[in-house]
Amino acid sequence: MRIIVDAMGGDHAPGAIVKGAMDAAAEFGCEIVLVGIGDKVLQALRDNGQPTLPKGIEIAHADDVVDMHDDPATVVKKRKNSSMVVGLQMLADGQADAFISAGSTGALLTASTLLVKRVRGIRRAAMGPVVPTAQGGCVLIDCGANAECTPEFLLQFAYMGNFYAQKVLNIPRPRVGLLNIGTEDSKGTKLQLETYHLLQAAHEAGEFQFVGNVEARDVPLGVVDVAVADGFSGNVLLKGIEGTAKLISGLMKDMFQTNLSTKIGYLLCKSGVEKMRAKLDYRETGGTPLIGITKPVIKAHGSSDALAVKSAIGQAIRVVQSGVITQIQDNIDKMVLAKE
């Protein structure tokens, strides 16, 4: 397995990116290509106690870096020598199995679409993070790539999310729900109403298990395994879940530090608390896959540390091994609405 990592993307690049890549190469036994400004990547290796290239690590030089303020629409043209664009072009050329970046989300989505390309027939690639739930995890698709959607977009998101849950999360028959303001089939805007009928028809045809509308409060409770949404609504839900997780973590920390009794209580339930924190920690789950692109592209969190980078690499390996992209390609005829 060969994974390309954008060494210059993210708030803590290249140091944290390089450390995470080193840890991943050692733990997963994969080959990793660090794309970035050569001398800075080498210095990051030295800072992490590696005076020479460790086993499984290569460097591909790139002169430039995509800035968070760059216009995503012009990145491929104006930043063609950047670590992100060079790495994606390498992926498109077949030099690796997957690509990971903690850089600009918009730039990554645009460059992936232009260079690596969408699966033929897919109208829009979608971001599908796995959010923690009481039942394990739920694929939230889309969570920000497409603020404005059509019913066909959402139908395709449902198929792609279903395949991802099956192949990557190993859920045999995922429960697919449509994010809405109520569970009744009469709720929502024209977009949700029309999409509901498309998803119900696919369910009746045996394509996937559509369980109806799902409210935002029910997603963390594990009511569905795939939550289908337009990018605007999905992003609001995702940020709400992230904020709630931080709130709970902070409240628990304050509670256990109140006095000696609460500190003793923490020691008695430490293992359970740590398991809960790990479940809510984005660093443990990896990144967000761009589903619908012809090869695996993973968007790591902008503030990723070494653990988050290692997790994202592990996720990329699972996506490659899953065959989910082939599954999408093989079923594209069911996902395209006939022209009227």
Protein backbone atom coordinates (compact mmCIF):
# COMPACT_ATOMS: atom_id res chain seq x y z
CA MET A 1 0.00 0.00 0.00
CA ARG A 2 1.36 3.40 -1.00
CA ILE A 3 -0.15 6.57 0.49
CA ILE A 4 0.64 10.16 -0.51
CA VAL A 5 0.51 12.71 2.31
CA ASP A 6 0.51 16.49 1.87
CA ALA A 7 3.30 17.37 4.30
CA MET A 8 2.61 21.10 4.12
CA GLY A 9 -1.16 21.11 4.74
CA GLY A 10 -2.68 21.94 8.11
CA ASP A 11 -2.05 24.15 11.13
CA HIS A 12 0.80 22.03 12.48
CA ALA A 13 2.60 21.17 9.25
CA PRO A 14 5.10 19.84 8.55
CA GLY A 15 6.11 18.64 12.02
CA ALA A 16 2.90 16.89 13.09
CA ILE A 17 2.28 15.56 9.57
CA VAL A 18 5.73 14.00 9.39
CA LYS A 19 5.45 12.48 12.87
CA GLY A 20 2.04 10.99 12.06
CA ALA A 21 3.39 9.56 8.80
CA MET A 22 6.33 8.00 10.60
CA ASP A 23 4.05 6.41 13.18
CA ALA A 24 1.70 5.12 10.47
CA ALA A 25 4.52 3.60 8.40
CA ALA A 26 5.80 1.78 11.49
CA GLU A 27 2.38 0.56 12.65
CA PHE A 28 0.65 -0.24 9.35
CA GLY A 29 3.64 -1.29 7.28
CA CYS A 30 2.62 0.96 4.39
CA GLU A 31 4.76 3.11 2.12
CA ILE A 32 4.26 6.84 2.53
CA VAL A 33 5.26 9.64 0.19
CA LEU A 34 5.57 13.01 1.92
CA VAL A 35 4.98 15.76 -0.61
CA GLY A 36 6.33 19.14 0.36
CA ILE A 37 9.24 21.56 0.46
CA GLY A 38 12.15 19.15 0.72
CA ASP A 39 14.38 20.91 3.24
CA LYS A 40 11.45 21.63 5.56
CA VAL A 41 10.30 18.01 5.46
CA LEU A 42 13.85 16.81 6.18
CA GLN A 43 14.11 19.24 9.09
CA ALA A 44 10.81 17.93 10.46
CA LEU A 45 12.22 14.41 10.28
CA ARG A 46 15.31 15.52 12.21
CA ASP A 47 13.12 17.28 14.77
CA ASN A 48 11.36 13.96 15.28
CA GLY A 49 14.62 12.12 15.86
CA GLN A 50 15.18 10.85 12.31
CA PRO A 51 18.42 12.19 10.77
CA THR A 52 17.78 10.09 7.66
CA LEU A 53 14.70 8.81 5.88
CA PRO A 54 13.16 5.96 7.90
CA LYS A 55 12.00 2.76 6.26
CA GLY A 56 8.79 3.19 4.29
CA ILE A 57 9.07 6.98 3.95
CA GLU A 58 9.85 8.89 0.75
CA ILE A 59 9.89 12.60 -0.06
CA ALA A 60 8.51 14.17 -3.23
CA HIS A 61 9.57 17.80 -3.55
CA ALA A 62 7.03 20.56 -4.16
CA ASP A 63 8.04 24.22 -4.31
CA ASP A 64 4.79 25.80 -3.18
CA VAL A 65 2.03 25.53 -0.57
CA VAL A 66 -1.71 26.10 -0.89
CA ASP A 67 -2.73 28.91 1.46
CA MET A 68 -6.01 28.73 3.35
CA HIS A 69 -6.99 32.03 1.74
CA ASP A 70 -6.35 30.89 -1.84
CA ASP A 71 -9.35 30.79 -4.15
CA PRO A 72 -10.17 27.07 -4.53
CA ALA A 73 -11.23 27.60 -8.15
CA THR A 74 -7.76 28.79 -9.18
CA VAL A 75 -5.53 26.53 -7.05
CA VAL A 76 -4.77 23.99 -9.80
CA LYS A 77 -3.68 26.73 -12.18
CA LYS A 78 -2.00 29.20 -9.83
CA ARG A 79 -0.54 26.72 -7.33
CA LYS A 80 0.37 23.90 -9.70
CA ASN A 81 3.69 23.35 -7.90
CA SER A 82 2.08 23.18 -4.45
CA SER A 83 2.27 20.09 -2.29
CA MET A 84 -1.48 19.52 -2.60
CA VAL A 85 -1.64 19.78 -6.39
CA VAL A 86 1.58 17.81 -6.95
CA GLY A 87 0.34 15.05 -4.65
CA LEU A 88 -3.05 14.82 -6.31
CA GLN A 89 -1.45 14.71 -9.75
CA MET A 90 0.73 11.83 -8.55
CA LEU A 91 -2.40 10.02 -7.38
CA ALA A 92 -4.11 10.66 -10.72
CA ASP A 93 -1.05 9.31 -12.53
CA GLY A 94 -1.24 6.05 -10.60
CA GLN A 95 1.82 6.59 -8.41
CA ALA A 96 -0.04 5.74 -5.19
CA ASP A 97 -3.27 4.29 -3.81
CA ALA A 98 -4.62 7.26 -1.83
CA PHE A 99 -3.98 10.90 -0.90
CA ILE A 100 -4.35 12.74 2.42
CA SER A 101 -4.26 16.46 3.18
CA ALA A 102 -5.08 18.63 6.18
CA GLY A 103 -5.04 21.72 3.96
CA SER A 104 -7.85 23.85 2.57
CA THR A 105 -11.06 21.86 2.19
CA GLY A 106 -12.31 23.87 -0.78
CA ALA A 107 -8.99 23.63 -2.59
CA LEU A 108 -8.76 19.89 -1.96
CA LEU A 109 -12.27 19.26 -3.25
CA THR A 110 -11.76 21.38 -6.37
CA ALA A 111 -8.32 20.00 -7.17
CA SER A 112 -9.46 16.41 -6.60
CA THR A 113 -12.39 16.95 -8.96
CA LEU A 114 -10.21 18.49 -11.67
CA LEU A 115 -7.21 16.18 -11.41
CA VAL A 116 -8.34 12.82 -10.01
CA LYS A 117 -11.89 13.26 -11.41
CA ARG A 118 -15.30 12.20 -10.20
CA VAL A 119 -16.66 8.75 -10.91
CA ARG A 120 -18.40 9.00 -14.28
CA GLY A 121 -22.07 9.75 -13.67
CA ILE A 122 -21.60 11.18 -10.17
CA ARG A 123 -22.89 14.76 -10.22
CA ARG A 124 -20.99 15.98 -7.16
CA ALA A 125 -18.41 14.44 -4.86
CA ALA A 126 -19.51 14.55 -1.23
CA MET A 127 -17.80 14.72 2.12
CA GLY A 128 -18.79 11.78 4.30
CA PRO A 129 -17.31 11.89 7.81
CA VAL A 130 -18.21 9.17 10.28
CA VAL A 131 -19.71 10.88 13.33
CA PRO A 132 -19.78 9.06 16.67
CA THR A 133 -23.11 7.64 17.79
CA ALA A 134 -24.47 5.45 20.56
CA GLN A 135 -24.40 2.53 18.10
CA GLY A 136 -20.86 3.15 16.82
CA GLY A 137 -20.79 5.61 13.94
CA CYS A 138 -22.90 7.22 11.22
CA VAL A 139 -21.83 8.36 7.76
CA LEU A 140 -22.96 11.98 7.41
CA ILE A 141 -23.14 12.75 3.70
CA ASP A 142 -22.80 15.60 2.66
CA CYS A 143 -21.27 17.78 5.39
CA GLY A 144 -20.18 20.87 3.48
CA ALA A 145 -19.00 20.19 -0.05
CA ASN A 146 -22.34 21.06 -1.68
CA ALA A 147 -24.36 23.77 0.04
CA GLU A 148 -27.00 23.72 -2.70
CA CYS A 149 -28.24 20.34 -3.88
CA THR A 150 -30.81 18.74 -6.15
CA PRO A 151 -32.82 15.60 -5.31
CA GLU A 152 -30.54 13.63 -7.67
CA PHE A 153 -27.48 14.75 -5.69
CA LEU A 154 -29.06 13.50 -2.47
CA LEU A 155 -30.10 10.21 -4.09
CA GLN A 156 -26.50 9.66 -5.13
CA PHE A 157 -25.28 10.61 -1.64
CA ALA A 158 -27.60 7.95 -0.22
CA TYR A 159 -26.18 5.25 -2.49
CA MET A 160 -22.58 6.29 -1.86
CA GLY A 161 -23.10 6.56 1.90
CA ASN A 162 -24.74 3.15 1.93
CA PHE A 163 -21.82 1.58 0.07
CA TYR A 164 -19.30 3.31 2.35
CA ALA A 165 -21.07 2.05 5.48
CA GLN A 166 -21.16 -1.47 4.04
CA LYS A 167 -17.61 -1.66 2.74
CA VAL A 168 -15.62 0.50 5.15
CA LEU A 169 -17.65 0.31 8.38
CA ASN A 170 -18.68 -3.33 7.80
CA ILE A 171 -22.39 -2.72 8.38
CA PRO A 172 -24.20 -5.38 6.31
CA ARG A 173 -27.50 -3.52 5.89
CA PRO A 174 -27.10 0.15 6.82
CA ARG A 175 -30.13 2.17 7.88
CA VAL A 176 -30.30 5.22 5.61
CA GLY A 177 -32.16 8.32 6.79
CA LEU A 178 -32.84 11.74 5.31
CA LEU A 179 -31.91 14.62 7.62
CA ASN A 180 -35.03 16.72 8.14
CA ILE A 181 -36.91 18.89 10.66
CA GLY A 182 -39.32 16.08 11.50
CA THR A 183 -39.86 12.39 10.89
CA GLU A 184 -43.16 12.74 9.02
CA ASP A 185 -42.95 12.29 5.24
CA SER A 186 -44.70 15.65 4.76
CA LYS A 187 -41.92 17.64 6.48
CA GLY A 188 -39.18 19.70 4.88
CA THR A 189 -38.67 21.93 1.87
CA LYS A 190 -39.26 20.95 -1.74
CA LEU A 191 -35.77 19.41 -1.78
CA GLN A 192 -36.50 17.05 1.13
CA LEU A 193 -39.99 16.20 -0.12
CA GLU A 194 -38.78 15.22 -3.60
CA THR A 195 -35.74 13.40 -2.23
CA TYR A 196 -37.90 11.43 0.18
CA HIS A 197 -39.86 9.92 -2.70
CA LEU A 198 -36.66 9.00 -4.57
CA LEU A 199 -35.18 7.30 -1.52
CA GLN A 200 -38.43 5.50 -0.79
CA ALA A 201 -38.55 4.22 -4.38
CA ALA A 202 -34.97 2.95 -4.08
CA HIS A 203 -35.91 1.22 -0.82
CA GLU A 204 -38.93 -0.46 -2.43
CA ALA A 205 -36.69 -1.62 -5.27
CA GLY A 206 -34.40 -3.27 -2.72
CA GLU A 207 -31.41 -0.97 -3.36
CA PHE A 208 -30.87 0.04 0.26
CA GLN A 209 -32.75 0.25 3.55
CA PHE A 210 -34.36 3.69 3.76
CA VAL A 211 -35.90 4.26 7.20
CA GLY A 212 -37.39 7.69 6.48
CA ASN A 213 -36.66 11.15 7.81
CA VAL A 214 -34.34 11.57 10.78
CA GLU A 215 -34.02 14.59 13.06
CA ALA A 216 -30.63 16.03 14.02
CA ARG A 217 -31.06 15.04 17.67
CA ASP A 218 -31.52 11.38 16.71
CA VAL A 219 -28.33 11.02 14.64
CA PRO A 220 -25.98 10.86 17.68
CA LEU A 221 -28.35 8.35 19.28
CA GLY A 222 -27.65 5.90 16.46
CA VAL A 223 -31.08 5.85 14.82
CA VAL A 224 -29.42 5.64 11.38
CA ASP A 225 -26.10 4.44 9.97
CA VAL A 226 -26.18 6.91 7.05
CA ALA A 227 -27.59 10.44 7.34
CA VAL A 228 -28.22 12.03 3.94
CA ALA A 229 -28.15 15.83 3.82
CA ASP A 230 -27.40 18.83 1.67
CA GLY A 231 -23.98 20.26 2.54
CA PHE A 232 -25.40 23.26 4.41
CA SER A 233 -27.60 21.25 6.77
CA GLY A 234 -25.01 18.52 7.16
CA ASN A 235 -22.31 21.01 8.12
CA VAL A 236 -24.57 22.61 10.73
CA LEU A 237 -25.22 19.17 12.23
CA LEU A 238 -21.52 18.25 12.18
CA LYS A 239 -20.43 21.47 13.89
CA GLY A 240 -23.20 21.02 16.45
CA ILE A 241 -21.95 17.52 17.28
CA GLU A 242 -18.36 18.76 17.54
CA GLY A 243 -19.36 21.59 19.85
CA THR A 244 -21.44 19.30 22.05
CA ALA A 245 -18.54 16.86 22.34
CA LYS A 246 -16.22 19.66 23.46
CA LEU A 247 -18.82 20.89 25.95
CA ILE A 248 -19.28 17.44 27.48
CA SER A 249 -15.52 16.90 27.69
CA GLY A 250 -15.03 20.25 29.39
CA LEU A 251 -17.88 19.72 31.85
CA MET A 252 -16.54 16.31 32.81
CA LYS A 253 -13.06 17.72 33.36
CA ASP A 254 -14.43 20.46 35.62
CA MET A 255 -16.60 17.97 37.49
CA PHE A 256 -13.78 15.55 38.25
CA GLN A 257 -11.46 18.35 39.39
CA THR A 258 -13.94 19.81 41.88
CA ASN A 259 -12.56 18.20 45.04
CA LEU A 260 -10.77 15.17 46.43
CA SER A 261 -13.90 13.01 46.29
CA THR A 262 -14.51 13.70 42.60
CA LYS A 263 -10.82 13.05 41.82
CA ILE A 264 -11.09 9.67 43.53
CA GLY A 265 -14.29 9.05 41.57
CA TYR A 266 -12.41 9.74 38.34
CA LEU A 267 -9.78 7.15 39.24
CA LEU A 268 -12.51 4.57 39.84
CA CYS A 269 -14.10 5.12 36.42
CA LYS A 270 -11.02 6.26 34.50
CA SER A 271 -11.11 3.49 31.88
CA GLY A 272 -14.74 4.21 30.99
CA VAL A 273 -14.11 7.96 30.79
CA GLU A 274 -11.11 7.47 28.52
CA LYS A 275 -13.12 5.22 26.20
CA MET A 276 -15.83 7.85 25.94
CA ARG A 277 -13.29 10.60 25.23
CA ALA A 278 -11.65 8.50 22.53
CA LYS A 279 -15.03 7.96 20.87
CA LEU A 280 -15.65 11.71 20.78
CA ASP A 281 -12.09 12.56 19.68
CA TYR A 282 -11.81 13.32 15.95
CA ARG A 283 -8.12 12.38 16.13
CA GLU A 284 -9.08 8.75 16.69
CA THR A 285 -11.45 8.46 13.73
CA GLY A 286 -9.22 9.81 10.95
CA GLY A 287 -10.47 12.27 8.36
CA THR A 288 -13.32 12.91 5.99
CA PRO A 289 -13.37 10.95 2.71
CA LEU A 290 -14.30 12.73 -0.51
CA ILE A 291 -16.78 10.12 -1.73
CA GLY A 292 -17.41 10.03 -5.47
CA ILE A 293 -13.81 10.67 -6.54
CA THR A 294 -12.21 7.90 -8.63
CA LYS A 295 -9.46 7.28 -6.07
CA PRO A 296 -9.41 7.63 -2.27
CA VAL A 297 -8.86 11.21 -1.10
CA ILE A 298 -9.05 11.93 2.64
CA LYS A 299 -9.43 15.40 4.16
CA ALA A 300 -7.76 15.43 7.56
CA HIS A 301 -8.77 18.02 10.15
CA GLY A 302 -6.99 21.33 9.74
CA SER A 303 -5.63 21.18 13.28
CA SER A 304 -4.50 17.56 12.98
CA ASP A 305 -1.71 16.42 15.27
CA ALA A 306 0.41 13.29 14.74
CA LEU A 307 -2.30 10.96 16.09
CA ALA A 308 -4.92 12.43 13.74
CA VAL A 309 -2.59 12.06 10.76
CA LYS A 310 -1.83 8.45 11.64
CA SER A 311 -5.56 7.76 12.00
CA ALA A 312 -6.26 9.37 8.62
CA ILE A 313 -3.63 7.15 6.99
CA GLY A 314 -5.19 4.10 8.61
CA GLN A 315 -8.56 5.21 7.28
CA ALA A 316 -7.14 5.65 3.78
CA ILE A 317 -5.80 2.10 3.89
CA ARG A 318 -9.24 0.76 4.89
CA VAL A 319 -10.91 2.69 2.06
CA VAL A 320 -8.47 1.28 -0.49
CA GLN A 321 -8.91 -2.26 0.77
CA SER A 322 -12.71 -1.97 0.93
CA GLY A 323 -13.34 -1.65 -2.79
CA VAL A 324 -16.04 0.97 -2.15
CA ILE A 325 -15.10 3.01 -5.23
CA THR A 326 -15.54 -0.01 -7.47
CA GLN A 327 -18.92 -0.62 -5.82
CA ILE A 328 -20.00 2.93 -6.69
CA GLN A 329 -18.76 2.57 -10.27
CA ASP A 330 -20.58 -0.74 -10.74
CA ASN A 331 -23.91 0.73 -9.61
CA ILE A 332 -23.83 4.13 -11.27
CA ASP A 333 -26.69 3.28 -13.63
CA LYS A 334 -29.05 3.07 -10.64
CA MET A 335 -27.90 6.45 -9.34
CA VAL A 336 -28.56 8.63 -12.38
CA LEU A 337 -32.05 9.94 -12.98
CA ALA A 338 -33.45 9.61 -16.48
CA LYS A 339 -33.70 12.86 -18.43
CA GLU A 340 -37.26 14.04 -18.94
